């Protein structure tokens, strides 16, 4: 069964790599969009997004975006289409607080 849904939403602590979404057991998922919103009115931020196959430990090869700058009060949207298997993990990080991440897609059970 396919379920269209918001796969994850978070406002992570600054400089902390955070799990945004883990594909459930016996499922797969397709990410349709990643949205990052810098809610800071006076500072440009840098953010990261990675995909850890099977929940592996963090390594450089996992990064889709690494310290990508995002100006104050701006939003970054990537319409992407990444297929994930069970236990794959999407992780996020920002160098500043007040940055929200949204992950939208389809979960297949």
PDB file of N, CA and C in Angstrom:
ATOM      1  N   UNK A   1       0.841  -1.179   0.000  1.00  0.00           N
ATOM      2  CA  UNK A   1       0.000   0.000   0.000  1.00  0.00           C
ATOM      3  C   UNK A   1       0.888   1.244   0.000  1.00  0.00           C
ATOM      4  N   UNK A   2       0.579   2.197  -0.852  1.00  0.00           N
ATOM      5  CA  UNK A   2       1.316   3.454  -0.933  1.00  0.00           C
ATOM      6  C   UNK A   2       0.594   4.535  -0.142  1.00  0.00           C
ATOM      7  N   UNK A   3       1.359   5.261   0.685  1.00  0.00           N
ATOM      8  CA  UNK A   3       0.791   6.337   1.476  1.00  0.00           C
ATOM      9  C   UNK A   3       1.561   7.615   1.215  1.00  0.00           C
ATOM     10  N   UNK A   4       0.888   8.599   0.623  1.00  0.00           N
ATOM     11  CA  UNK A   4       1.480   9.921   0.443  1.00  0.00           C
ATOM     12  C   UNK A   4       1.472  10.616   1.788  1.00  0.00           C
ATOM     13  N   UNK A   5       2.627  11.175   2.202  1.00  0.00           N
ATOM     14  CA  UNK A   5       2.641  11.772   3.533  1.00  0.00           C
ATOM     15  C   UNK A   5       3.848  12.674   3.750  1.00  0.00           C
ATOM     16  N   UNK A   6       3.789  13.418   4.815  1.00  0.00           N
ATOM     17  CA  UNK A   6       4.955  14.119   5.325  1.00  0.00           C
ATOM     18  C   UNK A   6       5.755  13.066   6.078  1.00  0.00           C
ATOM     19  N   UNK A   7       6.948  12.778   5.590  1.00  0.00           N
ATOM     20  CA  UNK A   7       7.760  11.720   6.182  1.00  0.00           C
ATOM     21  C   UNK A   7       8.474  12.185   7.441  1.00  0.00           C
ATOM     22  N   UNK A   8       8.779  13.472   7.511  1.00  0.00           N
ATOM     23  CA  UNK A   8       9.453  13.989   8.696  1.00  0.00           C
ATOM     24  C   UNK A   8       9.456  15.494   8.738  1.00  0.00           C
ATOM     25  N   UNK A   9       9.435  16.021   9.968  1.00  0.00           N
ATOM     26  CA  UNK A   9       9.526  17.456  10.213  1.00  0.00           C
ATOM     27  C   UNK A   9      10.374  17.654  11.459  1.00  0.00           C
ATOM     28  N   UNK A  10      11.300  18.626  11.412  1.00  0.00           N
ATOM     29  CA  UNK A  10      12.140  18.869  12.584  1.00  0.00           C
ATOM     30  C   UNK A  10      12.743  20.263  12.535  1.00  0.00           C
ATOM     31  N   UNK A  11      13.039  20.770  13.716  1.00  0.00           N
ATOM     32  CA  UNK A  11      13.846  21.970  13.903  1.00  0.00           C
ATOM     33  C   UNK A  11      14.997  21.515  14.803  1.00  0.00           C
ATOM     34  N   UNK A  12      16.097  21.063  14.196  1.00  0.00           N
ATOM     35  CA  UNK A  12      17.162  20.471  14.999  1.00  0.00           C
ATOM     36  C   UNK A  12      17.950  21.510  15.796  1.00  0.00           C
ATOM     37  N   UNK A  13      18.586  21.042  16.848  1.00  0.00           N
ATOM     38  CA  UNK A  13      19.525  21.862  17.609  1.00  0.00           C
ATOM     39  C   UNK A  13      20.707  22.208  16.707  1.00  0.00           C
ATOM     40  N   UNK A  14      21.227  23.403  16.821  1.00  0.00           N
ATOM     41  CA  UNK A  14      22.348  23.835  15.988  1.00  0.00           C
ATOM     42  C   UNK A  14      23.532  22.884  16.114  1.00  0.00           C
ATOM     43  N   UNK A  15      24.131  22.549  14.968  1.00  0.00           N
ATOM     44  CA  UNK A  15      25.339  21.726  14.885  1.00  0.00           C
ATOM     45  C   UNK A  15      25.186  20.308  15.411  1.00  0.00           C
ATOM     46  N   UNK A  16      23.966  19.784  15.388  1.00  0.00           N
ATOM     47  CA  UNK A  16      23.717  18.408  15.811  1.00  0.00           C
ATOM     48  C   UNK A  16      23.118  17.632  14.642  1.00  0.00           C
ATOM     49  N   UNK A  17      23.825  16.595  14.185  1.00  0.00           N
ATOM     50  CA  UNK A  17      23.303  15.728  13.133  1.00  0.00           C
ATOM     51  C   UNK A  17      22.092  14.986  13.701  1.00  0.00           C
ATOM     52  N   UNK A  18      20.943  15.112  13.033  1.00  0.00           N
ATOM     53  CA  UNK A  18      19.672  14.642  13.574  1.00  0.00           C
ATOM     54  C   UNK A  18      18.977  13.731  12.577  1.00  0.00           C
ATOM     55  N   UNK A  19      18.454  12.600  13.046  1.00  0.00           N
ATOM     56  CA  UNK A  19      17.652  11.722  12.194  1.00  0.00           C
ATOM     57  C   UNK A  19      16.312  12.397  11.929  1.00  0.00           C
ATOM     58  N   UNK A  20      15.999  12.625  10.658  1.00  0.00           N
ATOM     59  CA  UNK A  20      14.717  13.221  10.276  1.00  0.00           C
ATOM     60  C   UNK A  20      13.698  12.141   9.950  1.00  0.00           C
ATOM     61  N   UNK A  21      14.153  11.048   9.296  1.00  0.00           N
ATOM     62  CA  UNK A  21      13.227   9.996   8.883  1.00  0.00           C
ATOM     63  C   UNK A  21      13.993   8.685   8.737  1.00  0.00           C
ATOM     64  N   UNK A  22      13.392   7.622   9.260  1.00  0.00           N
ATOM     65  CA  UNK A  22      13.903   6.264   9.078  1.00  0.00           C
ATOM     66  C   UNK A  22      12.820   5.442   8.413  1.00  0.00           C
ATOM     67  N   UNK A  23      13.163   4.778   7.322  1.00  0.00           N
ATOM     68  CA  UNK A  23      12.180   3.941   6.628  1.00  0.00           C
ATOM     69  C   UNK A  23      11.837   2.756   7.529  1.00  0.00           C
ATOM     70  N   UNK A  24      10.548   2.535   7.802  1.00  0.00           N
ATOM     71  CA  UNK A  24      10.150   1.430   8.678  1.00  0.00           C
ATOM     72  C   UNK A  24      10.522   0.060   8.090  1.00  0.00           C
ATOM     73  N   UNK A  25      10.606  -0.930   8.968  1.00  0.00           N
ATOM     74  CA  UNK A  25      10.856  -2.307   8.549  1.00  0.00           C
ATOM     75  C   UNK A  25       9.777  -2.757   7.573  1.00  0.00           C
ATOM     76  N   UNK A  26      10.147  -3.577   6.624  1.00  0.00           N
ATOM     77  CA  UNK A  26       9.234  -4.118   5.606  1.00  0.00           C
ATOM     78  C   UNK A  26       8.580  -3.033   4.760  1.00  0.00           C
ATOM     79  N   UNK A  27       9.260  -1.898   4.618  1.00  0.00           N
ATOM     80  CA  UNK A  27       8.736  -0.786   3.818  1.00  0.00           C
ATOM     81  C   UNK A  27       9.836  -0.212   2.936  1.00  0.00           C
ATOM     82  N   UNK A  28       9.417   0.622   2.017  1.00  0.00           N
ATOM     83  CA  UNK A  28      10.333   1.440   1.233  1.00  0.00           C
ATOM     84  C   UNK A  28       9.694   2.819   1.128  1.00  0.00           C
ATOM     85  N   UNK A  29      10.436   3.759   0.586  1.00  0.00           N
ATOM     86  CA  UNK A  29       9.898   5.115   0.470  1.00  0.00           C
ATOM     87  C   UNK A  29      10.537   5.812  -0.718  1.00  0.00           C
ATOM     88  N   UNK A  30       9.820   6.808  -1.232  1.00  0.00           N
ATOM     89  CA  UNK A  30      10.361   7.687  -2.260  1.00  0.00           C
ATOM     90  C   UNK A  30      10.194   9.115  -1.746  1.00  0.00           C
ATOM     91  N   UNK A  31      11.311   9.823  -1.649  1.00  0.00           N
ATOM     92  CA  UNK A  31      11.269  11.222  -1.230  1.00  0.00           C
ATOM     93  C   UNK A  31      10.942  12.061  -2.457  1.00  0.00           C
ATOM     94  N   UNK A  32       9.876  12.840  -2.361  1.00  0.00           N
ATOM     95  CA  UNK A  32       9.550  13.719  -3.479  1.00  0.00           C
ATOM     96  C   UNK A  32      10.138  15.109  -3.295  1.00  0.00           C
ATOM     97  N   UNK A  33      10.188  15.597  -2.049  1.00  0.00           N
ATOM     98  CA  UNK A  33      10.719  16.942  -1.808  1.00  0.00           C
ATOM     99  C   UNK A  33      11.376  17.052  -0.441  1.00  0.00           C
ATOM    100  N   UNK A  34      12.423  17.862  -0.424  1.00  0.00           N
ATOM    101  CA  UNK A  34      13.068  18.284   0.816  1.00  0.00           C
ATOM    102  C   UNK A  34      12.924  19.797   0.867  1.00  0.00           C
ATOM    103  N   UNK A  35      12.400  20.309   1.980  1.00  0.00           N
ATOM    104  CA  UNK A  35      12.196  21.748   2.126  1.00  0.00           C
ATOM    105  C   UNK A  35      12.926  22.206   3.389  1.00  0.00           C
ATOM    106  N   UNK A  36      13.762  23.229   3.241  1.00  0.00           N
ATOM    107  CA  UNK A  36      14.503  23.788   4.371  1.00  0.00           C
ATOM    108  C   UNK A  36      14.140  25.266   4.465  1.00  0.00           C
ATOM    109  N   UNK A  37      13.729  25.703   5.647  1.00  0.00           N
ATOM    110  CA  UNK A  37      13.299  27.087   5.854  1.00  0.00           C
ATOM    111  C   UNK A  37      14.162  27.744   6.927  1.00  0.00           C
ATOM    112  N   UNK A  38      14.871  28.806   6.535  1.00  0.00           N
ATOM    113  CA  UNK A  38      15.675  29.580   7.480  1.00  0.00           C
ATOM    114  C   UNK A  38      14.786  30.646   8.096  1.00  0.00           C
ATOM    115  N   UNK A  39      14.419  30.452   9.340  1.00  0.00           N
ATOM    116  CA  UNK A  39      13.511  31.370  10.025  1.00  0.00           C
ATOM    117  C   UNK A  39      14.239  32.486  10.766  1.00  0.00           C
ATOM    118  N   UNK A  40      15.532  32.599  10.545  1.00  0.00           N
ATOM    119  CA  UNK A  40      16.319  33.662  11.162  1.00  0.00           C
ATOM    120  C   UNK A  40      16.197  34.937  10.322  1.00  0.00           C
ATOM    121  N   UNK A  41      15.913  36.044  10.975  1.00  0.00           N
ATOM    122  CA  UNK A  41      15.702  37.290  10.240  1.00  0.00           C
ATOM    123  C   UNK A  41      16.996  38.027   9.914  1.00  0.00           C
ATOM    124  N   UNK A  42      18.100  37.625  10.533  1.00  0.00           N
ATOM    125  CA  UNK A  42      19.321  38.402  10.322  1.00  0.00           C
ATOM    126  C   UNK A  42      20.557  37.596   9.936  1.00  0.00           C
ATOM    127  N   UNK A  43      20.436  36.283   9.728  1.00  0.00           N
ATOM    128  CA  UNK A  43      21.663  35.541   9.428  1.00  0.00           C
ATOM    129  C   UNK A  43      21.467  34.486   8.345  1.00  0.00           C
ATOM    130  N   UNK A  44      22.490  34.338   7.515  1.00  0.00           N
ATOM    131  CA  UNK A  44      22.560  33.242   6.562  1.00  0.00           C
ATOM    132  C   UNK A  44      23.014  32.010   7.326  1.00  0.00           C
ATOM    133  N   UNK A  45      22.438  30.870   6.999  1.00  0.00           N
ATOM    134  CA  UNK A  45      22.790  29.624   7.685  1.00  0.00           C
ATOM    135  C   UNK A  45      23.448  28.689   6.668  1.00  0.00           C
ATOM    136  N   UNK A  46      23.991  27.587   7.182  1.00  0.00           N
ATOM    137  CA  UNK A  46      24.492  26.508   6.333  1.00  0.00           C
ATOM    138  C   UNK A  46      23.836  25.222   6.817  1.00  0.00           C
ATOM    139  N   UNK A  47      23.341  24.411   5.865  1.00  0.00           N
ATOM    140  CA  UNK A  47      22.672  23.177   6.264  1.00  0.00           C
ATOM    141  C   UNK A  47      23.224  21.976   5.519  1.00  0.00           C
ATOM    142  N   UNK A  48      22.910  20.794   6.079  1.00  0.00           N
ATOM    143  CA  UNK A  48      23.344  19.521   5.503  1.00  0.00           C
ATOM    144  C   UNK A  48      22.168  18.555   5.456  1.00  0.00           C
ATOM    145  N   UNK A  49      22.163  17.703   4.429  1.00  0.00           N
ATOM    146  CA  UNK A  49      21.193  16.612   4.316  1.00  0.00           C
ATOM    147  C   UNK A  49      21.969  15.390   3.833  1.00  0.00           C
ATOM    148  N   UNK A  50      21.776  14.257   4.510  1.00  0.00           N
ATOM    149  CA  UNK A  50      22.464  13.028   4.106  1.00  0.00           C
ATOM    150  C   UNK A  50      21.498  11.852   4.128  1.00  0.00           C
ATOM    151  N   UNK A  51      21.887  10.789   3.421  1.00  0.00           N
ATOM    152  CA  UNK A  51      21.122   9.542   3.415  1.00  0.00           C
ATOM    153  C   UNK A  51      22.065   8.426   3.832  1.00  0.00           C
ATOM    154  N   UNK A  52      21.740   7.775   4.941  1.00  0.00           N
ATOM    155  CA  UNK A  52      22.543   6.676   5.461  1.00  0.00           C
ATOM    156  C   UNK A  52      21.870   5.356   5.102  1.00  0.00           C
ATOM    157  N   UNK A  53      22.469   4.622   4.177  1.00  0.00           N
ATOM    158  CA  UNK A  53      21.915   3.339   3.757  1.00  0.00           C
ATOM    159  C   UNK A  53      21.937   2.374   4.943  1.00  0.00           C
ATOM    160  N   UNK A  54      20.759   1.825   5.250  1.00  0.00           N
ATOM    161  CA  UNK A  54      20.656   0.869   6.355  1.00  0.00           C
ATOM    162  C   UNK A  54      20.984   1.457   7.713  1.00  0.00           C
ATOM    163  N   UNK A  55      20.956   2.801   7.821  1.00  0.00           N
ATOM    164  CA  UNK A  55      21.248   3.444   9.102  1.00  0.00           C
ATOM    165  C   UNK A  55      22.727   3.459   9.451  1.00  0.00           C
ATOM    166  N   UNK A  56      23.593   3.347   8.449  1.00  0.00           N
ATOM    167  CA  UNK A  56      25.038   3.315   8.672  1.00  0.00           C
ATOM    168  C   UNK A  56      25.522   4.566   9.398  1.00  0.00           C
ATOM    169  N   UNK A  57      26.681   4.448  10.016  1.00  0.00           N
ATOM    170  CA  UNK A  57      27.309   5.598  10.671  1.00  0.00           C
ATOM    171  C   UNK A  57      27.596   6.682   9.638  1.00  0.00           C
ATOM    172  N   UNK A  58      27.661   7.916  10.095  1.00  0.00           N
ATOM    173  CA  UNK A  58      27.867   9.071   9.235  1.00  0.00           C
ATOM    174  C   UNK A  58      29.212   9.002   8.510  1.00  0.00           C
ATOM    175  N   UNK A  59      29.186   9.177   7.176  1.00  0.00           N
ATOM    176  CA  UNK A  59      30.403   9.250   6.359  1.00  0.00           C
ATOM    177  C   UNK A  59      30.205  10.295   5.264  1.00  0.00           C
ATOM    178  N   UNK A  60      31.280  10.843   4.704  1.00  0.00           N
ATOM    179  CA  UNK A  60      31.154  11.884   3.678  1.00  0.00           C
ATOM    180  C   UNK A  60      30.354  11.463   2.441  1.00  0.00           C
ATOM    181  N   UNK A  61      30.386  10.193   2.051  1.00  0.00           N
ATOM    182  CA  UNK A  61      29.700   9.765   0.832  1.00  0.00           C
ATOM    183  C   UNK A  61      28.177   9.869   0.907  1.00  0.00           C
ATOM    184  N   UNK A  62      27.626  10.034   2.100  1.00  0.00           N
ATOM    185  CA  UNK A  62      26.170  10.061   2.278  1.00  0.00           C
ATOM    186  C   UNK A  62      25.533  11.424   1.969  1.00  0.00           C
ATOM    187  N   UNK A  63      26.310  12.468   1.841  1.00  0.00           N
ATOM    188  CA  UNK A  63      25.756  13.819   1.793  1.00  0.00           C
ATOM    189  C   UNK A  63      25.192  14.205   0.429  1.00  0.00           C
ATOM    190  N   UNK A  64      23.943  14.688   0.461  1.00  0.00           N
ATOM    191  CA  UNK A  64      23.299  15.272  -0.715  1.00  0.00           C
ATOM    192  C   UNK A  64      23.591  16.771  -0.768  1.00  0.00           C
ATOM    193  N   UNK A  65      23.601  17.395   0.404  1.00  0.00           N
ATOM    194  CA  UNK A  65      23.909  18.821   0.546  1.00  0.00           C
ATOM    195  C   UNK A  65      24.831  18.956   1.755  1.00  0.00           C
ATOM    196  N   UNK A  66      25.901  19.725   1.580  1.00  0.00           N
ATOM    197  CA  UNK A  66      26.879  19.876   2.662  1.00  0.00           C
ATOM    198  C   UNK A  66      27.230  21.348   2.815  1.00  0.00           C
ATOM    199  N   UNK A  67      26.798  21.922   3.935  1.00  0.00           N
ATOM    200  CA  UNK A  67      27.028  23.336   4.245  1.00  0.00           C
ATOM    201  C   UNK A  67      26.532  24.262   3.142  1.00  0.00           C
ATOM    202  N   UNK A  68      25.383  23.904   2.575  1.00  0.00           N
ATOM    203  CA  UNK A  68      24.762  24.748   1.558  1.00  0.00           C
ATOM    204  C   UNK A  68      24.224  26.012   2.233  1.00  0.00           C
ATOM    205  N   UNK A  69      24.570  27.202   1.749  1.00  0.00           N
ATOM    206  CA  UNK A  69      24.098  28.428   2.398  1.00  0.00           C
ATOM    207  C   UNK A  69      22.635  28.720   2.055  1.00  0.00           C
ATOM    208  N   UNK A  70      21.949  29.281   3.033  1.00  0.00           N
ATOM    209  CA  UNK A  70      20.551  29.700   2.847  1.00  0.00           C
ATOM    210  C   UNK A  70      20.383  31.037   3.551  1.00  0.00           C
ATOM    211  N   UNK A  71      20.043  32.072   2.792  1.00  0.00           N
ATOM    212  CA  UNK A  71      19.948  33.412   3.353  1.00  0.00           C
ATOM    213  C   UNK A  71      18.800  33.537   4.346  1.00  0.00           C
ATOM    214  N   UNK A  72      18.855  34.607   5.127  1.00  0.00           N
ATOM    215  CA  UNK A  72      17.831  34.847   6.143  1.00  0.00           C
ATOM    216  C   UNK A  72      16.437  34.923   5.523  1.00  0.00           C
ATOM    217  N   UNK A  73      15.466  34.382   6.247  1.00  0.00           N
ATOM    218  CA  UNK A  73      14.055  34.374   5.832  1.00  0.00           C
ATOM    219  C   UNK A  73      13.840  33.793   4.443  1.00  0.00           C
ATOM    220  N   UNK A  74      14.612  32.782   4.090  1.00  0.00           N
ATOM    221  CA  UNK A  74      14.491  32.171   2.769  1.00  0.00           C
ATOM    222  C   UNK A  74      14.192  30.682   2.919  1.00  0.00           C
ATOM    223  N   UNK A  75      13.724  30.077   1.817  1.00  0.00           N
ATOM    224  CA  UNK A  75      13.386  28.655   1.797  1.00  0.00           C
ATOM    225  C   UNK A  75      14.058  27.983   0.615  1.00  0.00           C
ATOM    226  N   UNK A  76      14.610  26.799   0.866  1.00  0.00           N
ATOM    227  CA  UNK A  76      15.223  25.963  -0.161  1.00  0.00           C
ATOM    228  C   UNK A  76      14.294  24.779  -0.403  1.00  0.00           C
ATOM    229  N   UNK A  77      13.967  24.502  -1.670  1.00  0.00           N
ATOM    230  CA  UNK A  77      13.118  23.368  -2.017  1.00  0.00           C
ATOM    231  C   UNK A  77      13.830  22.531  -3.064  1.00  0.00           C
ATOM    232  N   UNK A  78      13.978  21.234  -2.789  1.00  0.00           N
ATOM    233  CA  UNK A  78      14.533  20.304  -3.769  1.00  0.00           C
ATOM    234  C   UNK A  78      13.464  19.276  -4.089  1.00  0.00           C
ATOM    235  N   UNK A  79      13.020  19.264  -5.343  1.00  0.00           N
ATOM    236  CA  UNK A  79      12.118  18.217  -5.812  1.00  0.00           C
ATOM    237  C   UNK A  79      13.024  17.142  -6.369  1.00  0.00           C
ATOM    238  N   UNK A  80      13.037  15.964  -5.703  1.00  0.00           N
ATOM    239  CA  UNK A  80      14.197  15.121  -5.863  1.00  0.00           C
ATOM    240  C   UNK A  80      13.921  13.689  -6.328  1.00  0.00           C
ATOM    241  N   UNK A  81      13.064  12.915  -5.725  1.00  0.00           N
ATOM    242  CA  UNK A  81      12.777  11.553  -6.176  1.00  0.00           C
ATOM    243  C   UNK A  81      13.822  10.523  -5.808  1.00  0.00           C
ATOM    244  N   UNK A  82      14.181  10.450  -4.538  1.00  0.00           N
ATOM    245  CA  UNK A  82      15.163   9.467  -4.058  1.00  0.00           C
ATOM    246  C   UNK A  82      14.425   8.252  -3.506  1.00  0.00           C
ATOM    247  N   UNK A  83      14.823   7.064  -3.962  1.00  0.00           N
ATOM    248  CA  UNK A  83      14.232   5.822  -3.468  1.00  0.00           C
ATOM    249  C   UNK A  83      15.030   5.322  -2.269  1.00  0.00           C
ATOM    250  N   UNK A  84      14.308   4.934  -1.223  1.00  0.00           N
ATOM    251  CA  UNK A  84      14.923   4.441   0.001  1.00  0.00           C
ATOM    252  C   UNK A  84      14.401   3.055   0.348  1.00  0.00           C
ATOM    253  N   UNK A  85      15.264   2.228   0.929  1.00  0.00           N
ATOM    254  CA  UNK A  85      14.873   0.896   1.388  1.00  0.00           C
ATOM    255  C   UNK A  85      14.672   0.912   2.899  1.00  0.00           C
ATOM    256  N   UNK A  86      14.156  -0.204   3.426  1.00  0.00           N
ATOM    257  CA  UNK A  86      13.922  -0.282   4.864  1.00  0.00           C
ATOM    258  C   UNK A  86      15.200   0.038   5.637  1.00  0.00           C
ATOM    259  N   UNK A  87      15.047   0.746   6.735  1.00  0.00           N
ATOM    260  CA  UNK A  87      16.118   1.145   7.653  1.00  0.00           C
ATOM    261  C   UNK A  87      17.055   2.225   7.116  1.00  0.00           C
ATOM    262  N   UNK A  88      16.847   2.721   5.891  1.00  0.00           N
ATOM    263  CA  UNK A  88      17.621   3.874   5.429  1.00  0.00           C
ATOM    264  C   UNK A  88      17.201   5.093   6.263  1.00  0.00           C
ATOM    265  N   UNK A  89      18.155   5.998   6.512  1.00  0.00           N
ATOM    266  CA  UNK A  89      17.901   7.148   7.384  1.00  0.00           C
ATOM    267  C   UNK A  89      18.278   8.442   6.671  1.00  0.00           C
ATOM    268  N   UNK A  90      17.368   9.410   6.701  1.00  0.00           N
ATOM    269  CA  UNK A  90      17.661  10.761   6.221  1.00  0.00           C
ATOM    270  C   UNK A  90      18.035  11.584   7.447  1.00  0.00           C
ATOM    271  N   UNK A  91      19.227  12.192   7.365  1.00  0.00           N
ATOM    272  CA  UNK A  91      19.725  12.994   8.488  1.00  0.00           C
ATOM    273  C   UNK A  91      19.909  14.443   8.040  1.00  0.00           C
ATOM    274  N   UNK A  92      19.782  15.348   9.019  1.00  0.00           N
ATOM    275  CA  UNK A  92      19.855  16.782   8.743  1.00  0.00           C
ATOM    276  C   UNK A  92      20.729  17.474   9.774  1.00  0.00           C
ATOM    277  N   UNK A  93      21.215  18.655   9.406  1.00  0.00           N
ATOM    278  CA  UNK A  93      21.978  19.473  10.348  1.00  0.00           C
ATOM    279  C   UNK A  93      21.962  20.915   9.862  1.00  0.00           C
ATOM    280  N   UNK A  94      21.969  21.842  10.802  1.00  0.00           N
ATOM    281  CA  UNK A  94      22.084  23.263  10.501  1.00  0.00           C
ATOM    282  C   UNK A  94      23.091  23.870  11.471  1.00  0.00           C
ATOM    283  N   UNK A  95      23.813  24.883  11.028  1.00  0.00           N
ATOM    284  CA  UNK A  95      24.785  25.506  11.921  1.00  0.00           C
ATOM    285  C   UNK A  95      24.159  26.554  12.840  1.00  0.00           C
ATOM    286  N   UNK A  96      22.853  26.744  12.723  1.00  0.00           N
ATOM    287  CA  UNK A  96      22.129  27.759  13.490  1.00  0.00           C
ATOM    288  C   UNK A  96      20.773  27.196  13.905  1.00  0.00           C
ATOM    289  N   UNK A  97      20.238  27.681  15.012  1.00  0.00           N
ATOM    290  CA  UNK A  97      18.889  27.281  15.437  1.00  0.00           C
ATOM    291  C   UNK A  97      17.851  27.961  14.543  1.00  0.00           C
ATOM    292  N   UNK A  98      16.606  27.608  14.727  1.00  0.00           N
ATOM    293  CA  UNK A  98      15.473  28.206  14.010  1.00  0.00           C
ATOM    294  C   UNK A  98      15.477  27.912  12.512  1.00  0.00           C
ATOM    295  N   UNK A  99      15.855  26.688  12.174  1.00  0.00           N
ATOM    296  CA  UNK A  99      15.817  26.235  10.789  1.00  0.00           C
ATOM    297  C   UNK A  99      14.952  24.977  10.751  1.00  0.00           C
ATOM    298  N   UNK A 100      13.897  24.993   9.932  1.00  0.00           N
ATOM    299  CA  UNK A 100      12.999  23.840   9.867  1.00  0.00           C
ATOM    300  C   UNK A 100      13.249  23.022   8.612  1.00  0.00           C
ATOM    301  N   UNK A 101      13.105  21.708   8.759  1.00  0.00           N
ATOM    302  CA  UNK A 101      13.270  20.755   7.667  1.00  0.00           C
ATOM    303  C   UNK A 101      11.980  19.967   7.513  1.00  0.00           C
ATOM    304  N   UNK A 102      11.513  19.817   6.285  1.00  0.00           N
ATOM    305  CA  UNK A 102      10.340  19.011   5.981  1.00  0.00           C
ATOM    306  C   UNK A 102      10.697  18.042   4.861  1.00  0.00           C
ATOM    307  N   UNK A 103      10.278  16.797   5.028  1.00  0.00           N
ATOM    308  CA  UNK A 103      10.531  15.746   4.054  1.00  0.00           C
ATOM    309  C   UNK A 103       9.184  15.182   3.638  1.00  0.00           C
ATOM    310  N   UNK A 104       8.889  15.201   2.343  1.00  0.00           N
ATOM    311  CA  UNK A 104       7.594  14.782   1.822  1.00  0.00           C
ATOM    312  C   UNK A 104       7.819  13.671   0.821  1.00  0.00           C
ATOM    313  N   UNK A 105       6.937  12.671   0.827  1.00  0.00           N
ATOM    314  CA  UNK A 105       7.084  11.586  -0.142  1.00  0.00           C
ATOM    315  C   UNK A 105       6.022  10.524  -0.027  1.00  0.00           C
ATOM    316  N   UNK A 106       6.382   9.328  -0.466  1.00  0.00           N
ATOM    317  CA  UNK A 106       5.482   8.186  -0.479  1.00  0.00           C
ATOM    318  C   UNK A 106       6.141   7.050   0.284  1.00  0.00           C
ATOM    319  N   UNK A 107       5.397   6.473   1.203  1.00  0.00           N
ATOM    320  CA  UNK A 107       5.863   5.292   1.939  1.00  0.00           C
ATOM    321  C   UNK A 107       5.112   4.083   1.401  1.00  0.00           C
ATOM    322  N   UNK A 108       5.848   3.023   1.073  1.00  0.00           N
ATOM    323  CA  UNK A 108       5.273   1.813   0.492  1.00  0.00           C
ATOM    324  C   UNK A 108       5.464   0.673   1.465  1.00  0.00           C
ATOM    325  N   UNK A 109       4.336   0.086   1.906  1.00  0.00           N
ATOM    326  CA  UNK A 109       4.393  -1.026   2.857  1.00  0.00           C
ATOM    327  C   UNK A 109       4.093  -2.328   2.156  1.00  0.00           C
TER     328      UNK A 109
END
